[in-house]
């Protein structure tokens, strides 16, 4: 499948996380896809449990 503008426009939001209060600068996912980590302009690093849909901890 080619990633074209029309393909990207067809994507839908699956889940929204609101733990960061400022703009998120970086997101990285674990190799198994079960967790993610984000950093933002509010100087917070948040670890997310993707499977459960919530944050694990704020660093």
Foldseek 3Di string as FASTA:
>chain_A
DDDDPVNVVPDDDPADACPDPAAWDDKDADPVRQWMWTQGPVRWIWIPGVVVRYTDDID
